[in-house]
Amino acid sequence: MSTEISTQRASTGLALQTFDDAFRFAKMVAASEFAPKDFKGKPESCLLAIQHGSEVGLSPMQSLQSIAVINGRPTIWGDAALALVQSSPVCEYVREYTEGDGDAMVAVCEAQRRGYPQPTVSRFSMADAKRAGLVGKAGPWTQYPARMLALRARGFALRNAFADALRGLITAEEAQDYPTPEPVVRETP
């Protein structure tokens, strides 16, 4: 294998041509200030995030900023999911808005797929958040409830209308709200 880094300048940035190129790049990122906290000092995780992101159409740096592992599962941050869907040729539009205030607030996301007769519409309300045990949870659910409702409605609508663009990834915001699964202990006979 070559010891040279063979790169091309693509319209989306650096194009890594070989596994060695990608792993050297991942090692450099893992040792840098550019590494997200969970990837710091973990070149293997950087490389897998880059690979996973490339499978849905993200550049290496976009992948590192947009792919997160939560409860052992790769996920995508909500704004990156929206960007992937909006860049898909089958996306006509995505509209997001809220209705009501306070406990009556509902976030709505409409996602129109080209060729489909009507948009996919998802709603996520404060009542839904309460049922899921999210209201009052420390962090963004307390500080930015309208944004969290919008991200939950978005995640459901985008996954329902554009599963092909997201390739099975759920949003990181949704995955963070799931309880951490208990490890399975199997007894050997």
Protein backbone atom coordinates (compact mmCIF):
# COMPACT_ATOMS: atom_id res chain seq x y z
CA MET A 1 0.00 0.00 0.00
CA SER A 2 1.12 3.50 -0.72
CA THR A 3 2.45 5.68 2.04
CA GLU A 4 1.31 8.82 0.19
CA ILE A 5 -1.98 10.43 0.99
CA SER A 6 -3.90 10.42 -2.26
CA THR A 7 -6.66 12.99 -2.17
CA GLN A 8 -8.91 14.77 -4.58
CA ARG A 9 -10.58 18.06 -4.03
CA ALA A 10 -14.27 17.31 -4.35
CA SER A 11 -17.06 19.86 -4.34
CA THR A 12 -17.78 18.80 -0.75
CA GLY A 13 -14.17 18.89 0.47
CA LEU A 14 -11.46 16.33 0.91
CA ALA A 15 -12.09 12.96 -0.78
CA LEU A 16 -10.35 10.07 0.97
CA GLN A 17 -9.31 7.45 -1.60
CA THR A 18 -8.07 4.47 0.43
CA PHE A 19 -8.59 2.90 3.82
CA ASP A 20 -5.10 4.07 4.82
CA ASP A 21 -5.97 7.63 3.81
CA ALA A 22 -9.16 7.51 5.82
CA PHE A 23 -7.51 6.03 8.90
CA ARG A 24 -4.66 8.56 8.85
CA PHE A 25 -7.25 11.30 8.57
CA ALA A 26 -9.27 9.79 11.43
CA LYS A 27 -6.15 9.64 13.62
CA MET A 28 -5.40 13.29 12.86
CA VAL A 29 -8.97 14.34 13.70
CA ALA A 30 -9.06 12.26 16.91
CA ALA A 31 -5.93 14.06 18.11
CA SER A 32 -7.21 17.53 17.19
CA GLU A 33 -9.51 20.16 18.66
CA PHE A 34 -11.91 19.43 15.78
CA ALA A 35 -12.90 16.06 17.25
CA PRO A 36 -16.29 16.04 18.93
CA LYS A 37 -15.97 15.12 22.62
CA ASP A 38 -17.03 11.50 22.13
CA PHE A 39 -14.51 11.03 19.27
CA LYS A 40 -11.53 12.65 21.01
CA GLY A 41 -8.64 10.16 21.06
CA LYS A 42 -10.74 7.52 19.27
CA PRO A 43 -9.61 7.26 15.64
CA GLU A 44 -11.60 4.06 15.13
CA SER A 45 -14.82 5.84 16.10
CA CYS A 46 -13.89 8.77 13.84
CA LEU A 47 -13.33 6.42 10.92
CA LEU A 48 -16.64 4.61 11.46
CA ALA A 49 -18.52 7.91 11.72
CA ILE A 50 -16.89 9.07 8.48
CA GLN A 51 -17.84 5.81 6.78
CA HIS A 52 -21.40 5.84 8.11
CA GLY A 53 -21.84 9.44 7.06
CA SER A 54 -20.47 8.74 3.58
CA GLU A 55 -23.11 6.04 3.15
CA VAL A 56 -25.85 8.67 3.51
CA GLY A 57 -24.01 11.33 1.49
CA LEU A 58 -22.07 13.37 4.05
CA SER A 59 -18.51 14.55 3.59
CA PRO A 60 -15.90 13.44 6.17
CA MET A 61 -16.15 16.62 8.26
CA GLN A 62 -19.94 16.71 8.04
CA SER A 63 -19.97 13.09 9.18
CA LEU A 64 -17.86 13.84 12.23
CA GLN A 65 -20.16 16.69 13.24
CA SER A 66 -23.44 14.96 12.36
CA ILE A 67 -23.10 11.27 13.27
CA ALA A 68 -23.24 10.32 16.95
CA VAL A 69 -23.34 6.96 18.68
CA ILE A 70 -26.05 6.88 21.31
CA ASN A 71 -26.74 3.71 23.27
CA GLY A 72 -24.48 1.83 20.87
CA ARG A 73 -26.39 2.91 17.78
CA PRO A 74 -25.35 5.39 15.08
CA THR A 75 -27.68 8.38 14.84
CA ILE A 76 -27.80 11.67 12.96
CA TRP A 77 -28.36 15.13 14.40
CA GLY A 78 -31.70 16.65 13.35
CA ASP A 79 -30.33 19.51 11.23
CA ALA A 80 -28.15 17.09 9.22
CA ALA A 81 -31.16 14.81 8.67
CA LEU A 82 -33.08 17.81 7.35
CA ALA A 83 -30.17 18.80 5.08
CA LEU A 84 -29.95 15.29 3.60
CA VAL A 85 -33.68 15.20 2.93
CA GLN A 86 -33.76 18.71 1.44
CA SER A 87 -30.88 17.83 -0.89
CA SER A 88 -32.70 14.70 -2.14
CA PRO A 89 -34.23 15.07 -5.60
CA VAL A 90 -37.45 13.48 -4.31
CA CYS A 91 -38.00 16.20 -1.68
CA GLU A 92 -40.46 18.87 -2.73
CA TYR A 93 -40.54 20.65 0.62
CA VAL A 94 -40.34 20.36 4.39
CA ARG A 95 -42.42 22.79 6.46
CA GLU A 96 -42.18 23.13 10.22
CA TYR A 97 -44.31 25.20 12.55
CA THR A 98 -45.83 25.21 16.02
CA GLU A 99 -49.41 25.62 17.10
CA GLY A 100 -50.58 26.74 20.53
CA ASP A 101 -48.60 27.80 23.60
CA GLY A 102 -47.40 26.29 26.83
CA ASP A 103 -48.98 22.95 27.66
CA ALA A 104 -51.09 23.16 24.47
CA MET A 105 -48.04 23.58 22.20
CA VAL A 106 -47.77 21.19 19.25
CA ALA A 107 -44.90 21.04 16.76
CA VAL A 108 -45.83 20.06 13.23
CA CYS A 109 -43.60 18.89 10.40
CA GLU A 110 -44.93 18.39 6.87
CA ALA A 111 -42.66 16.58 4.44
CA GLN A 112 -43.76 16.36 0.80
CA ARG A 113 -42.17 13.65 -1.29
CA ARG A 114 -42.25 14.20 -5.06
CA GLY A 115 -44.87 12.00 -6.69
CA TYR A 116 -46.83 11.40 -3.48
CA PRO A 117 -50.39 12.78 -3.40
CA GLN A 118 -50.09 14.40 0.02
CA PRO A 119 -47.39 15.30 2.53
CA THR A 120 -46.37 13.15 5.45
CA VAL A 121 -47.43 15.09 8.55
CA SER A 122 -46.09 14.42 12.03
CA ARG A 123 -47.09 16.19 15.20
CA PHE A 124 -45.45 16.08 18.60
CA SER A 125 -47.18 17.83 21.46
CA MET A 126 -46.37 18.75 25.03
CA ALA A 127 -48.87 16.04 26.00
CA ASP A 128 -46.76 13.54 23.98
CA ALA A 129 -43.61 14.81 25.70
CA LYS A 130 -45.26 14.40 29.12
CA ARG A 131 -46.37 10.84 28.31
CA ALA A 132 -42.80 10.04 27.24
CA GLY A 133 -41.40 11.49 30.49
CA LEU A 134 -39.50 14.26 28.69
CA VAL A 135 -41.03 17.38 30.22
CA GLY A 136 -38.92 18.65 33.09
CA LYS A 137 -35.97 16.51 32.03
CA ALA A 138 -32.72 18.42 32.65
CA GLY A 139 -31.18 20.01 29.57
CA PRO A 140 -32.86 21.13 26.37
CA TRP A 141 -36.32 19.82 27.26
CA THR A 142 -36.39 22.32 30.12
CA GLN A 143 -34.56 25.14 28.34
CA TYR A 144 -35.92 24.85 24.77
CA PRO A 145 -39.13 22.80 24.78
CA ALA A 146 -40.43 24.27 21.48
CA ARG A 147 -37.19 23.28 19.70
CA MET A 148 -37.27 19.79 21.17
CA LEU A 149 -40.90 19.30 20.11
CA ALA A 150 -39.99 20.48 16.60
CA LEU A 151 -37.03 18.11 16.39
CA ARG A 152 -39.16 15.16 17.49
CA ALA A 153 -41.89 15.96 14.94
CA ARG A 154 -39.19 16.45 12.28
CA GLY A 155 -37.51 13.15 13.03
CA PHE A 156 -40.75 11.21 12.70
CA ALA A 157 -41.85 12.96 9.49
CA LEU A 158 -38.47 12.66 7.77
CA ARG A 159 -38.04 9.01 8.67
CA ASN A 160 -41.56 8.20 7.47
CA ALA A 161 -41.29 10.11 4.18
CA PHE A 162 -37.59 9.70 3.36
CA ALA A 163 -36.37 6.44 4.87
CA ASP A 164 -34.27 5.95 1.73
CA ALA A 165 -32.36 9.21 2.26
CA LEU A 166 -31.73 8.54 5.97
CA ARG A 167 -31.03 4.81 5.54
CA GLY A 168 -32.48 3.81 8.89
CA LEU A 169 -30.79 6.47 11.01
CA ILE A 170 -32.90 7.98 13.75
CA THR A 171 -32.20 11.45 15.02
CA ALA A 172 -29.74 11.85 17.86
CA GLU A 173 -32.25 14.02 19.71
CA GLU A 174 -34.74 11.17 19.77
CA ALA A 175 -32.16 8.54 20.70
CA GLN A 176 -30.93 10.65 23.63
CA ASP A 177 -34.40 10.51 25.13
CA TYR A 178 -34.52 6.71 25.19
CA PRO A 179 -33.41 5.02 28.40
CA THR A 180 -29.99 3.38 28.30
CA PRO A 181 -30.57 -0.31 27.69
CA GLU A 182 -29.39 -2.76 30.32
CA PRO A 183 -26.66 -5.11 29.13
CA VAL A 184 -27.84 -8.60 28.27
CA VAL A 185 -26.11 -11.23 30.35
CA ARG A 186 -26.20 -14.69 28.85
CA GLU A 187 -25.43 -17.68 30.93
CA THR A 188 -23.38 -20.38 29.34
CA PRO A 189 -24.70 -23.93 29.72
